[in-house]
Amino acid sequence: MFFEVLGEVQNIETFAQGSEIREVGRLKRQYGFGNWRKRKGIASVRLADGTIRLAEIHWYEATGIGKRETKIKCYLDQ
């Protein structure tokens, strides 16, 4: 699913890091070694059909590598 994050991500929180991440081996092979963290936050997103929704998004992040594999976990508006 294609989407674009609009504005700033709010309420950013780290909920897993290093060996707590199930896919840390794959992340290291695919993107490189770093201090990997799994993070979440709330942001407005524009979906492929043009609608704008408030959503909880999750992503992986490492120092020197940046954000990777951002996904929408759930929509927060009705």
PDB file of N, CA and C in Angstrom:
ATOM      1  N   MET A   1       0.843  -1.171   0.000  1.00  0.00           N
ATOM      2  CA  MET A   1       0.000   0.000   0.000  1.00  0.00           C
ATOM      3  C   MET A   1       0.892   1.239   0.000  1.00  0.00           C
ATOM      4  N   PHE A   2       0.646   2.139  -0.908  1.00  0.00           N
ATOM      5  CA  PHE A   2       1.392   3.385  -0.981  1.00  0.00           C
ATOM      6  C   PHE A   2       0.712   4.430  -0.109  1.00  0.00           C
ATOM      7  N   PHE A   3       1.497   5.167   0.657  1.00  0.00           N
ATOM      8  CA  PHE A   3       0.981   6.298   1.415  1.00  0.00           C
ATOM      9  C   PHE A   3       2.108   7.292   1.640  1.00  0.00           C
ATOM     10  N   GLU A   4       1.709   8.520   1.963  1.00  0.00           N
ATOM     11  CA  GLU A   4       2.664   9.594   2.212  1.00  0.00           C
ATOM     12  C   GLU A   4       2.365  10.181   3.584  1.00  0.00           C
ATOM     13  N   VAL A   5       3.383  10.327   4.411  1.00  0.00           N
ATOM     14  CA  VAL A   5       3.209  10.930   5.729  1.00  0.00           C
ATOM     15  C   VAL A   5       3.164  12.441   5.540  1.00  0.00           C
ATOM     16  N   LEU A   6       2.116  13.063   6.078  1.00  0.00           N
ATOM     17  CA  LEU A   6       1.952  14.510   5.978  1.00  0.00           C
ATOM     18  C   LEU A   6       2.339  15.155   7.305  1.00  0.00           C
ATOM     19  N   GLY A   7       3.202  16.120   7.281  1.00  0.00           N
ATOM     20  CA  GLY A   7       3.588  16.815   8.509  1.00  0.00           C
ATOM     21  C   GLY A   7       4.494  15.985   9.392  1.00  0.00           C
ATOM     22  N   GLU A   8       4.459  16.315  10.678  1.00  0.00           N
ATOM     23  CA  GLU A   8       5.321  15.676  11.657  1.00  0.00           C
ATOM     24  C   GLU A   8       4.636  14.478  12.299  1.00  0.00           C
ATOM     25  N   VAL A   9       5.431  13.489  12.673  1.00  0.00           N
ATOM     26  CA  VAL A   9       4.918  12.341  13.412  1.00  0.00           C
ATOM     27  C   VAL A   9       4.898  12.728  14.893  1.00  0.00           C
ATOM     28  N   GLN A  10       3.767  12.522  15.548  1.00  0.00           N
ATOM     29  CA  GLN A  10       3.592  12.886  16.953  1.00  0.00           C
ATOM     30  C   GLN A  10       3.672  11.648  17.841  1.00  0.00           C
ATOM     31  N   ASN A  11       3.893  11.856  19.125  1.00  0.00           N
ATOM     32  CA  ASN A  11       3.901  10.790  20.146  1.00  0.00           C
ATOM     33  C   ASN A  11       4.822   9.632  19.757  1.00  0.00           C
ATOM     34  N   ILE A  12       6.026   9.933  19.323  1.00  0.00           N
ATOM     35  CA  ILE A  12       6.973   8.892  18.910  1.00  0.00           C
ATOM     36  C   ILE A  12       7.447   8.124  20.134  1.00  0.00           C
ATOM     37  N   GLU A  13       7.471   6.819  19.974  1.00  0.00           N
ATOM     38  CA  GLU A  13       7.839   5.949  21.086  1.00  0.00           C
ATOM     39  C   GLU A  13       8.610   4.744  20.543  1.00  0.00           C
ATOM     40  N   THR A  14       9.681   4.355  21.230  1.00  0.00           N
ATOM     41  CA  THR A  14      10.443   3.158  20.885  1.00  0.00           C
ATOM     42  C   THR A  14       9.892   2.005  21.703  1.00  0.00           C
ATOM     43  N   PHE A  15       9.504   0.904  21.036  1.00  0.00           N
ATOM     44  CA  PHE A  15       8.965  -0.215  21.798  1.00  0.00           C
ATOM     45  C   PHE A  15       9.764  -1.493  21.642  1.00  0.00           C
ATOM     46  N   ALA A  16      10.822  -1.477  20.849  1.00  0.00           N
ATOM     47  CA  ALA A  16      11.740  -2.618  20.774  1.00  0.00           C
ATOM     48  C   ALA A  16      13.072  -2.108  20.238  1.00  0.00           C
ATOM     49  N   GLN A  17      14.163  -2.721  20.693  1.00  0.00           N
ATOM     50  CA  GLN A  17      15.478  -2.334  20.185  1.00  0.00           C
ATOM     51  C   GLN A  17      16.426  -3.511  20.251  1.00  0.00           C
ATOM     52  N   GLY A  18      17.386  -3.515  19.337  1.00  0.00           N
ATOM     53  CA  GLY A  18      18.408  -4.563  19.299  1.00  0.00           C
ATOM     54  C   GLY A  18      17.819  -5.957  19.163  1.00  0.00           C
ATOM     55  N   SER A  19      18.201  -6.840  20.051  1.00  0.00           N
ATOM     56  CA  SER A  19      17.785  -8.237  19.950  1.00  0.00           C
ATOM     57  C   SER A  19      16.304  -8.446  20.274  1.00  0.00           C
ATOM     58  N   GLU A  20      15.619  -7.441  20.786  1.00  0.00           N
ATOM     59  CA  GLU A  20      14.178  -7.534  21.025  1.00  0.00           C
ATOM     60  C   GLU A  20      13.387  -7.554  19.718  1.00  0.00           C
ATOM     61  N   ILE A  21      14.003  -7.096  18.629  1.00  0.00           N
ATOM     62  CA  ILE A  21      13.351  -7.067  17.317  1.00  0.00           C
ATOM     63  C   ILE A  21      13.527  -8.429  16.668  1.00  0.00           C
ATOM     64  N   ARG A  22      12.411  -9.060  16.292  1.00  0.00           N
ATOM     65  CA  ARG A  22      12.475 -10.389  15.692  1.00  0.00           C
ATOM     66  C   ARG A  22      13.256 -10.402  14.382  1.00  0.00           C
ATOM     67  N   GLU A  23      13.165  -9.332  13.614  1.00  0.00           N
ATOM     68  CA  GLU A  23      13.757  -9.304  12.281  1.00  0.00           C
ATOM     69  C   GLU A  23      15.092  -8.558  12.238  1.00  0.00           C
ATOM     70  N   VAL A  24      15.783  -8.430  13.350  1.00  0.00           N
ATOM     71  CA  VAL A  24      17.012  -7.643  13.376  1.00  0.00           C
ATOM     72  C   VAL A  24      18.082  -8.239  12.460  1.00  0.00           C
ATOM     73  N   GLY A  25      18.155  -9.542  12.328  1.00  0.00           N
ATOM     74  CA  GLY A  25      19.126 -10.168  11.423  1.00  0.00           C
ATOM     75  C   GLY A  25      18.890  -9.781   9.980  1.00  0.00           C
ATOM     76  N   ARG A  26      17.633  -9.806   9.554  1.00  0.00           N
ATOM     77  CA  ARG A  26      17.285  -9.415   8.188  1.00  0.00           C
ATOM     78  C   ARG A  26      17.574  -7.933   7.961  1.00  0.00           C
ATOM     79  N   LEU A  27      17.264  -7.095   8.937  1.00  0.00           N
ATOM     80  CA  LEU A  27      17.523  -5.661   8.804  1.00  0.00           C
ATOM     81  C   LEU A  27      19.019  -5.395   8.640  1.00  0.00           C
ATOM     82  N   LYS A  28      19.846  -6.091   9.413  1.00  0.00           N
ATOM     83  CA  LYS A  28      21.293  -5.915   9.302  1.00  0.00           C
ATOM     84  C   LYS A  28      21.811  -6.377   7.945  1.00  0.00           C
ATOM     85  N   ARG A  29      21.288  -7.495   7.447  1.00  0.00           N
ATOM     86  CA  ARG A  29      21.722  -7.982   6.123  1.00  0.00           C
ATOM     87  C   ARG A  29      21.282  -7.037   5.013  1.00  0.00           C
ATOM     88  N   GLN A  30      20.049  -6.548   5.110  1.00  0.00           N
ATOM     89  CA  GLN A  30      19.483  -5.741   4.030  1.00  0.00           C
ATOM     90  C   GLN A  30      19.971  -4.295   4.028  1.00  0.00           C
ATOM     91  N   TYR A  31      20.089  -3.677   5.214  1.00  0.00           N
ATOM     92  CA  TYR A  31      20.392  -2.248   5.291  1.00  0.00           C
ATOM     93  C   TYR A  31      21.730  -1.932   5.945  1.00  0.00           C
ATOM     94  N   GLY A  32      22.301  -2.866   6.698  1.00  0.00           N
ATOM     95  CA  GLY A  32      23.581  -2.621   7.343  1.00  0.00           C
ATOM     96  C   GLY A  32      23.475  -2.642   8.856  1.00  0.00           C
ATOM     97  N   PHE A  33      24.639  -2.664   9.490  1.00  0.00           N
ATOM     98  CA  PHE A  33      24.701  -2.718  10.942  1.00  0.00           C
ATOM     99  C   PHE A  33      24.416  -1.346  11.529  1.00  0.00           C
ATOM    100  N   GLY A  34      23.745  -1.339  12.630  1.00  0.00           N
ATOM    101  CA  GLY A  34      23.421  -0.101  13.335  1.00  0.00           C
ATOM    102  C   GLY A  34      22.645  -0.427  14.591  1.00  0.00           C
ATOM    103  N   ASN A  35      22.335   0.577  15.356  1.00  0.00           N
ATOM    104  CA  ASN A  35      21.540   0.417  16.567  1.00  0.00           C
ATOM    105  C   ASN A  35      20.064   0.439  16.158  1.00  0.00           C
ATOM    106  N   TRP A  36      19.522  -0.712  15.787  1.00  0.00           N
ATOM    107  CA  TRP A  36      18.165  -0.803  15.252  1.00  0.00           C
ATOM    108  C   TRP A  36      17.128  -0.659  16.353  1.00  0.00           C
ATOM    109  N   ARG A  37      16.089   0.143  16.061  1.00  0.00           N
ATOM    110  CA  ARG A  37      14.969   0.348  16.966  1.00  0.00           C
ATOM    111  C   ARG A  37      13.672   0.226  16.182  1.00  0.00           C
ATOM    112  N   LYS A  38      12.642  -0.353  16.800  1.00  0.00           N
ATOM    113  CA  LYS A  38      11.312  -0.387  16.207  1.00  0.00           C
ATOM    114  C   LYS A  38      10.520   0.705  16.914  1.00  0.00           C
ATOM    115  N   ARG A  39       9.948   1.626  16.122  1.00  0.00           N
ATOM    116  CA  ARG A  39       9.303   2.805  16.682  1.00  0.00           C
ATOM    117  C   ARG A  39       7.886   2.941  16.166  1.00  0.00           C
ATOM    118  N   LYS A  40       7.092   3.729  16.878  1.00  0.00           N
ATOM    119  CA  LYS A  40       5.729   4.004  16.442  1.00  0.00           C
ATOM    120  C   LYS A  40       5.372   5.440  16.763  1.00  0.00           C
ATOM    121  N   GLY A  41       4.377   5.953  16.037  1.00  0.00           N
ATOM    122  CA  GLY A  41       3.906   7.313  16.247  1.00  0.00           C
ATOM    123  C   GLY A  41       2.590   7.521  15.532  1.00  0.00           C
ATOM    124  N   ILE A  42       2.038   8.708  15.693  1.00  0.00           N
ATOM    125  CA  ILE A  42       0.754   9.056  15.089  1.00  0.00           C
ATOM    126  C   ILE A  42       0.986  10.178  14.086  1.00  0.00           C
ATOM    127  N   ALA A  43       0.392  10.022  12.889  1.00  0.00           N
ATOM    128  CA  ALA A  43       0.568  11.027  11.843  1.00  0.00           C
ATOM    129  C   ALA A  43      -0.617  11.022  10.898  1.00  0.00           C
ATOM    130  N   SER A  44      -0.799  12.135  10.207  1.00  0.00           N
ATOM    131  CA  SER A  44      -1.760  12.189   9.111  1.00  0.00           C
ATOM    132  C   SER A  44      -1.083  11.605   7.888  1.00  0.00           C
ATOM    133  N   VAL A  45      -1.797  10.753   7.158  1.00  0.00           N
ATOM    134  CA  VAL A  45      -1.242  10.127   5.965  1.00  0.00           C
ATOM    135  C   VAL A  45      -2.185  10.333   4.790  1.00  0.00           C
ATOM    136  N   ARG A  46      -1.598  10.490   3.612  1.00  0.00           N
ATOM    137  CA  ARG A  46      -2.382  10.561   2.376  1.00  0.00           C
ATOM    138  C   ARG A  46      -2.260   9.212   1.693  1.00  0.00           C
ATOM    139  N   LEU A  47      -3.392   8.553   1.484  1.00  0.00           N
ATOM    140  CA  LEU A  47      -3.411   7.239   0.853  1.00  0.00           C
ATOM    141  C   LEU A  47      -3.342   7.362  -0.655  1.00  0.00           C
ATOM    142  N   ALA A  48      -3.166   6.251  -1.337  1.00  0.00           N
ATOM    143  CA  ALA A  48      -3.013   6.240  -2.794  1.00  0.00           C
ATOM    144  C   ALA A  48      -4.228   6.834  -3.497  1.00  0.00           C
ATOM    145  N   ASP A  49      -5.423   6.696  -2.911  1.00  0.00           N
ATOM    146  CA  ASP A  49      -6.633   7.247  -3.554  1.00  0.00           C
ATOM    147  C   ASP A  49      -6.859   8.716  -3.234  1.00  0.00           C
ATOM    148  N   GLY A  50      -5.957   9.329  -2.455  1.00  0.00           N
ATOM    149  CA  GLY A  50      -6.029  10.753  -2.162  1.00  0.00           C
ATOM    150  C   GLY A  50      -6.681  11.100  -0.837  1.00  0.00           C
ATOM    151  N   THR A  51      -7.281  10.146  -0.153  1.00  0.00           N
ATOM    152  CA  THR A  51      -7.902  10.436   1.137  1.00  0.00           C
ATOM    153  C   THR A  51      -6.827  10.649   2.199  1.00  0.00           C
ATOM    154  N   ILE A  52      -7.158  11.484   3.165  1.00  0.00           N
ATOM    155  CA  ILE A  52      -6.242  11.783   4.261  1.00  0.00           C
ATOM    156  C   ILE A  52      -6.837  11.201   5.534  1.00  0.00           C
ATOM    157  N   ARG A  53      -6.042  10.399   6.245  1.00  0.00           N
ATOM    158  CA  ARG A  53      -6.499   9.733   7.463  1.00  0.00           C
ATOM    159  C   ARG A  53      -5.467   9.932   8.561  1.00  0.00           C
ATOM    160  N   LEU A  54      -5.914   9.860   9.796  1.00  0.00           N
ATOM    161  CA  LEU A  54      -5.040   9.848  10.951  1.00  0.00           C
ATOM    162  C   LEU A  54      -4.714   8.392  11.246  1.00  0.00           C
ATOM    163  N   ALA A  55      -3.432   8.068  11.383  1.00  0.00           N
ATOM    164  CA  ALA A  55      -3.045   6.663  11.518  1.00  0.00           C
ATOM    165  C   ALA A  55      -1.890   6.495  12.503  1.00  0.00           C
ATOM    166  N   GLU A  56      -1.834   5.306  13.092  1.00  0.00           N
ATOM    167  CA  GLU A  56      -0.663   4.903  13.864  1.00  0.00           C
ATOM    168  C   GLU A  56       0.273   4.225  12.877  1.00  0.00           C
ATOM    169  N   ILE A  57       1.518   4.708  12.810  1.00  0.00           N
ATOM    170  CA  ILE A  57       2.480   4.124  11.883  1.00  0.00           C
ATOM    171  C   ILE A  57       3.638   3.511  12.669  1.00  0.00           C
ATOM    172  N   HIS A  58       4.214   2.456  12.114  1.00  0.00           N
ATOM    173  CA  HIS A  58       5.369   1.773  12.694  1.00  0.00           C
ATOM    174  C   HIS A  58       6.493   1.787  11.672  1.00  0.00           C
ATOM    175  N   TRP A  59       7.733   1.829  12.153  1.00  0.00           N
ATOM    176  CA  TRP A  59       8.885   1.780  11.265  1.00  0.00           C
ATOM    177  C   TRP A  59      10.107   1.292  12.036  1.00  0.00           C
ATOM    178  N   TYR A  60      11.140   0.907  11.289  1.00  0.00           N
ATOM    179  CA  TYR A  60      12.435   0.551  11.854  1.00  0.00           C
ATOM    180  C   TYR A  60      13.364   1.731  11.608  1.00  0.00           C
ATOM    181  N   GLU A  61      14.287   1.970  12.550  1.00  0.00           N
ATOM    182  CA  GLU A  61      15.189   3.103  12.426  1.00  0.00           C
ATOM    183  C   GLU A  61      16.532   2.744  13.041  1.00  0.00           C
ATOM    184  N   ALA A  62      17.607   3.197  12.415  1.00  0.00           N
ATOM    185  CA  ALA A  62      18.952   3.005  12.960  1.00  0.00           C
ATOM    186  C   ALA A  62      19.765   4.276  12.735  1.00  0.00           C
ATOM    187  N   THR A  63      20.630   4.570  13.671  1.00  0.00           N
ATOM    188  CA  THR A  63      21.506   5.732  13.570  1.00  0.00           C
ATOM    189  C   THR A  63      22.395   5.591  12.342  1.00  0.00           C
ATOM    190  N   GLY A  64      22.451   6.619  11.537  1.00  0.00           N
ATOM    191  CA  GLY A  64      23.271   6.608  10.333  1.00  0.00           C
ATOM    192  C   GLY A  64      22.608   5.957   9.135  1.00  0.00           C
ATOM    193  N   ILE A  65      21.497   5.268   9.351  1.00  0.00           N
ATOM    194  CA  ILE A  65      20.786   4.600   8.259  1.00  0.00           C
ATOM    195  C   ILE A  65      19.446   5.279   8.009  1.00  0.00           C
ATOM    196  N   GLY A  66      18.749   5.664   9.057  1.00  0.00           N
ATOM    197  CA  GLY A  66      17.474   6.366   8.944  1.00  0.00           C
ATOM    198  C   GLY A  66      16.271   5.442   9.050  1.00  0.00           C
ATOM    199  N   LYS A  67      15.097   5.981   8.692  1.00  0.00           N
ATOM    200  CA  LYS A  67      13.840   5.230   8.765  1.00  0.00           C
ATOM    201  C   LYS A  67      13.736   4.262   7.599  1.00  0.00           C
ATOM    202  N   ARG A  68      13.245   3.066   7.885  1.00  0.00           N
ATOM    203  CA  ARG A  68      13.034   2.049   6.857  1.00  0.00           C
ATOM    204  C   ARG A  68      11.734   1.322   7.138  1.00  0.00           C
ATOM    205  N   GLU A  69      11.069   0.888   6.091  1.00  0.00           N
ATOM    206  CA  GLU A  69       9.893   0.020   6.138  1.00  0.00           C
ATOM    207  C   GLU A  69       8.755   0.599   6.986  1.00  0.00           C
ATOM    208  N   THR A  70       8.329   1.787   6.659  1.00  0.00           N
ATOM    209  CA  THR A  70       7.206   2.409   7.349  1.00  0.00           C
ATOM    210  C   THR A  70       5.912   1.744   6.920  1.00  0.00           C
ATOM    211  N   LYS A  71       5.043   1.451   7.896  1.00  0.00           N
ATOM    212  CA  LYS A  71       3.759   0.833   7.573  1.00  0.00           C
ATOM    213  C   LYS A  71       2.674   1.402   8.461  1.00  0.00           C
ATOM    214  N   ILE A  72       1.447   1.355   7.977  1.00  0.00           N
ATOM    215  CA  ILE A  72       0.287   1.779   8.742  1.00  0.00           C
ATOM    216  C   ILE A  72      -0.165   0.588   9.569  1.00  0.00           C
ATOM    217  N   LYS A  73      -0.242   0.789  10.878  1.00  0.00           N
ATOM    218  CA  LYS A  73      -0.688  -0.288  11.765  1.00  0.00           C
ATOM    219  C   LYS A  73      -2.203  -0.226  11.950  1.00  0.00           C
ATOM    220  N   CYS A  74      -2.751   0.971  12.168  1.00  0.00           N
ATOM    221  CA  CYS A  74      -4.211   1.108  12.287  1.00  0.00           C
ATOM    222  C   CYS A  74      -4.609   2.560  12.041  1.00  0.00           C
ATOM    223  N   TYR A  75      -5.870   2.753  11.668  1.00  0.00           N
ATOM    224  CA  TYR A  75      -6.431   4.091  11.489  1.00  0.00           C
ATOM    225  C   TYR A  75      -7.083   4.521  12.778  1.00  0.00           C
ATOM    226  N   LEU A  76      -6.930   5.791  13.130  1.00  0.00           N
ATOM    227  CA  LEU A  76      -7.439   6.285  14.398  1.00  0.00           C
ATOM    228  C   LEU A  76      -8.688   7.127  14.259  1.00  0.00           C
ATOM    229  N   ASP A  77      -9.087   7.477  13.057  1.00  0.00           N
ATOM    230  CA  ASP A  77     -10.312   8.243  12.859  1.00  0.00           C
ATOM    231  C   ASP A  77     -11.386   7.337  12.244  1.00  0.00           C
ATOM    232  N   GLN A  78     -12.573   7.769  12.325  1.00  0.00           N
ATOM    233  CA  GLN A  78     -13.683   6.947  11.802  1.00  0.00           C
ATOM    234  C   GLN A  78     -14.132   7.433  10.450  1.00  0.00           C
TER     235      GLN A  78
END
